[in-house]
């Protein structure tokens, strides 16, 4: 009986050691994947910062004004005038949807229990 108990205990310890070994490697893999994701996010943030800086550089008003002056004949760009804008009363709003009643409900003048005498 004691031998069986020793064998079962040894098998349980080996099984638990194998389980702990697998869990350790699964945890290390998850941590490694998390580190890769964090690194990718940091790289994406740095690329986004560079793109924002480039966008701000390319959209400088003096640069755009110079480009508009250089390409004036080809583009025909002119400054906005107040009469180019419309008025609010000129906006065509869609008509409100019509309410369609499919099932008519009959309404009687009497309430239930009105015709009865107590």
C-alpha atoms as a PDB file:
ATOM      1  CA  UNK A   1       0.000   0.000   0.000  1.00  0.00           C
ATOM      2  CA  UNK A   2       2.817   2.329   0.867  1.00  0.00           C
ATOM      3  CA  UNK A   3       4.531   1.647  -2.460  1.00  0.00           C
ATOM      4  CA  UNK A   4       1.378   2.603  -4.378  1.00  0.00           C
ATOM      5  CA  UNK A   5       1.140   5.823  -2.371  1.00  0.00           C
ATOM      6  CA  UNK A   6       4.802   6.652  -3.160  1.00  0.00           C
ATOM      7  CA  UNK A   7       4.269   5.953  -6.865  1.00  0.00           C
ATOM      8  CA  UNK A   8       1.096   8.113  -6.968  1.00  0.00           C
ATOM      9  CA  UNK A   9       2.850  10.920  -5.097  1.00  0.00           C
ATOM     10  CA  UNK A  10       5.830  10.742  -7.469  1.00  0.00           C
ATOM     11  CA  UNK A  11       3.527  10.794 -10.516  1.00  0.00           C
ATOM     12  CA  UNK A  12       1.595  13.745  -9.051  1.00  0.00           C
ATOM     13  CA  UNK A  13       4.851  15.663  -8.455  1.00  0.00           C
ATOM     14  CA  UNK A  14       6.052  14.887 -12.004  1.00  0.00           C
ATOM     15  CA  UNK A  15       2.682  15.938 -13.418  1.00  0.00           C
ATOM     16  CA  UNK A  16       2.679  19.191 -11.449  1.00  0.00           C
ATOM     17  CA  UNK A  17       6.285  19.889 -12.475  1.00  0.00           C
ATOM     18  CA  UNK A  18       5.341  19.356 -16.134  1.00  0.00           C
ATOM     19  CA  UNK A  19       2.306  21.644 -15.728  1.00  0.00           C
ATOM     20  CA  UNK A  20       4.421  24.352 -14.032  1.00  0.00           C
ATOM     21  CA  UNK A  21       7.041  24.047 -16.798  1.00  0.00           C
ATOM     22  CA  UNK A  22       4.379  24.552 -19.518  1.00  0.00           C
ATOM     23  CA  UNK A  23       2.773  27.458 -17.666  1.00  0.00           C
ATOM     24  CA  UNK A  24       6.165  29.107 -17.223  1.00  0.00           C
ATOM     25  CA  UNK A  25       6.859  29.000 -20.960  1.00  0.00           C
ATOM     26  CA  UNK A  26       3.317  30.144 -21.806  1.00  0.00           C
ATOM     27  CA  UNK A  27       3.753  33.098 -19.437  1.00  0.00           C
ATOM     28  CA  UNK A  28       7.136  33.985 -20.924  1.00  0.00           C
ATOM     29  CA  UNK A  29       5.618  33.848 -24.429  1.00  0.00           C
ATOM     30  CA  UNK A  30       2.745  36.127 -23.364  1.00  0.00           C
ATOM     31  CA  UNK A  31       5.203  38.601 -21.802  1.00  0.00           C
ATOM     32  CA  UNK A  32       7.336  38.518 -24.943  1.00  0.00           C
ATOM     33  CA  UNK A  33       4.287  39.178 -27.116  1.00  0.00           C
ATOM     34  CA  UNK A  34       3.257  42.044 -24.837  1.00  0.00           C
ATOM     35  CA  UNK A  35       6.741  43.570 -25.092  1.00  0.00           C
ATOM     36  CA  UNK A  36       6.599  43.309 -28.911  1.00  0.00           C
ATOM     37  CA  UNK A  37       3.196  45.008 -28.955  1.00  0.00           C
ATOM     38  CA  UNK A  38       4.428  47.818 -26.698  1.00  0.00           C
ATOM     39  CA  UNK A  39       7.458  48.300 -28.945  1.00  0.00           C
ATOM     40  CA  UNK A  40       5.223  48.394 -32.045  1.00  0.00           C
ATOM     41  CA  UNK A  41       2.951  50.948 -30.370  1.00  0.00           C
ATOM     42  CA  UNK A  42       5.926  53.132 -29.462  1.00  0.00           C
ATOM     43  CA  UNK A  43       7.204  52.940 -33.046  1.00  0.00           C
ATOM     44  CA  UNK A  44       3.739  53.818 -34.395  1.00  0.00           C
ATOM     45  CA  UNK A  45       3.560  56.817 -32.048  1.00  0.00           C
ATOM     46  CA  UNK A  46       6.970  58.031 -33.186  1.00  0.00           C
ATOM     47  CA  UNK A  47       5.984  57.604 -36.867  1.00  0.00           C
ATOM     48  CA  UNK A  48       2.764  59.497 -36.173  1.00  0.00           C
ATOM     49  CA  UNK A  49       4.709  62.323 -34.541  1.00  0.00           C
ATOM     50  CA  UNK A  50       6.975  62.536 -37.603  1.00  0.00           C
ATOM     51  CA  UNK A  51       3.962  62.552 -39.946  1.00  0.00           C
ATOM     52  CA  UNK A  52       2.293  65.304 -37.916  1.00  0.00           C
ATOM     53  CA  UNK A  53       5.482  67.369 -38.045  1.00  0.00           C
ATOM     54  CA  UNK A  54       5.730  66.868 -41.814  1.00  0.00           C
ATOM     55  CA  UNK A  55       2.061  67.794 -42.242  1.00  0.00           C
ATOM     56  CA  UNK A  56       2.550  70.971 -40.210  1.00  0.00           C
ATOM     57  CA  UNK A  57       5.662  71.811 -42.233  1.00  0.00           C
ATOM     58  CA  UNK A  58       3.912  71.274 -45.571  1.00  0.00           C
ATOM     59  CA  UNK A  59       0.835  73.278 -44.527  1.00  0.00           C
ATOM     60  CA  UNK A  60       2.667  76.423 -43.526  1.00  0.00           C
ATOM     61  CA  UNK A  61       0.616  79.433 -44.687  1.00  0.00           C
ATOM     62  CA  UNK A  62       3.585  81.159 -46.325  1.00  0.00           C
ATOM     63  CA  UNK A  63       4.463  77.999 -48.292  1.00  0.00           C
ATOM     64  CA  UNK A  64       0.865  77.511 -49.418  1.00  0.00           C
ATOM     65  CA  UNK A  65       0.606  81.186 -50.390  1.00  0.00           C
ATOM     66  CA  UNK A  66       3.777  80.877 -52.484  1.00  0.00           C
ATOM     67  CA  UNK A  67       2.443  77.722 -54.147  1.00  0.00           C
ATOM     68  CA  UNK A  68      -0.862  79.429 -54.897  1.00  0.00           C
ATOM     69  CA  UNK A  69       0.999  82.409 -56.419  1.00  0.00           C
ATOM     70  CA  UNK A  70       3.226  80.152 -58.520  1.00  0.00           C
ATOM     71  CA  UNK A  71       0.273  78.110 -59.812  1.00  0.00           C
ATOM     72  CA  UNK A  72      -2.219  80.969 -60.080  1.00  0.00           C
ATOM     73  CA  UNK A  73      -2.612  80.748 -63.860  1.00  0.00           C
ATOM     74  CA  UNK A  74      -3.106  76.986 -63.833  1.00  0.00           C
ATOM     75  CA  UNK A  75      -5.391  76.776 -60.766  1.00  0.00           C
ATOM     76  CA  UNK A  76      -7.207  80.097 -60.935  1.00  0.00           C
ATOM     77  CA  UNK A  77      -7.480  80.354 -57.155  1.00  0.00           C
ATOM     78  CA  UNK A  78      -9.037  83.535 -55.793  1.00  0.00           C
ATOM     79  CA  UNK A  79      -9.769  84.654 -52.225  1.00  0.00           C
ATOM     80  CA  UNK A  80     -13.248  84.013 -50.852  1.00  0.00           C
ATOM     81  CA  UNK A  81     -15.806  86.807 -50.956  1.00  0.00           C
ATOM     82  CA  UNK A  82     -18.802  87.104 -48.630  1.00  0.00           C
ATOM     83  CA  UNK A  83     -21.292  86.861 -51.505  1.00  0.00           C
ATOM     84  CA  UNK A  84     -19.950  83.389 -52.395  1.00  0.00           C
ATOM     85  CA  UNK A  85     -21.547  81.888 -49.303  1.00  0.00           C
ATOM     86  CA  UNK A  86     -25.208  80.884 -49.153  1.00  0.00           C
ATOM     87  CA  UNK A  87     -27.801  81.828 -46.574  1.00  0.00           C
ATOM     88  CA  UNK A  88     -29.444  79.501 -44.101  1.00  0.00           C
ATOM     89  CA  UNK A  89     -32.890  80.072 -45.623  1.00  0.00           C
ATOM     90  CA  UNK A  90     -31.580  78.768 -48.974  1.00  0.00           C
ATOM     91  CA  UNK A  91     -30.780  75.316 -47.558  1.00  0.00           C
ATOM     92  CA  UNK A  92     -33.231  72.677 -48.803  1.00  0.00           C
ATOM     93  CA  UNK A  93     -34.077  70.510 -45.823  1.00  0.00           C
ATOM     94  CA  UNK A  94     -35.797  67.170 -46.503  1.00  0.00           C
ATOM     95  CA  UNK A  95     -39.528  66.991 -45.825  1.00  0.00           C
ATOM     96  CA  UNK A  96     -40.472  65.237 -42.583  1.00  0.00           C
ATOM     97  CA  UNK A  97     -41.683  61.677 -43.153  1.00  0.00           C
ATOM     98  CA  UNK A  98     -45.439  61.193 -43.299  1.00  0.00           C
ATOM     99  CA  UNK A  99     -46.959  59.225 -40.452  1.00  0.00           C
ATOM    100  CA  UNK A 100     -48.745  56.180 -41.849  1.00  0.00           C
ATOM    101  CA  UNK A 101     -51.247  54.403 -39.631  1.00  0.00           C
ATOM    102  CA  UNK A 102     -51.692  50.825 -40.807  1.00  0.00           C
ATOM    103  CA  UNK A 103     -53.915  49.456 -38.058  1.00  0.00           C
ATOM    104  CA  UNK A 104     -56.845  51.642 -37.098  1.00  0.00           C
ATOM    105  CA  UNK A 105     -57.906  51.443 -33.454  1.00  0.00           C
ATOM    106  CA  UNK A 106     -61.585  51.802 -32.623  1.00  0.00           C
ATOM    107  CA  UNK A 107     -62.377  53.978 -29.647  1.00  0.00           C
ATOM    108  CA  UNK A 108     -65.749  53.808 -28.004  1.00  0.00           C
ATOM    109  CA  UNK A 109     -67.295  56.487 -25.817  1.00  0.00           C
ATOM    110  CA  UNK A 110     -67.948  54.080 -22.959  1.00  0.00           C
ATOM    111  CA  UNK A 111     -65.402  52.881 -20.514  1.00  0.00           C
ATOM    112  CA  UNK A 112     -65.599  49.274 -19.372  1.00  0.00           C
ATOM    113  CA  UNK A 113     -67.927  49.050 -16.392  1.00  0.00           C
ATOM    114  CA  UNK A 114     -69.783  52.337 -17.093  1.00  0.00           C
ATOM    115  CA  UNK A 115     -72.946  50.635 -18.309  1.00  0.00           C
ATOM    116  CA  UNK A 116     -73.294  48.412 -15.257  1.00  0.00           C
ATOM    117  CA  UNK A 117     -75.311  49.367 -12.168  1.00  0.00           C
ATOM    118  CA  UNK A 118     -73.722  48.573  -8.777  1.00  0.00           C
END
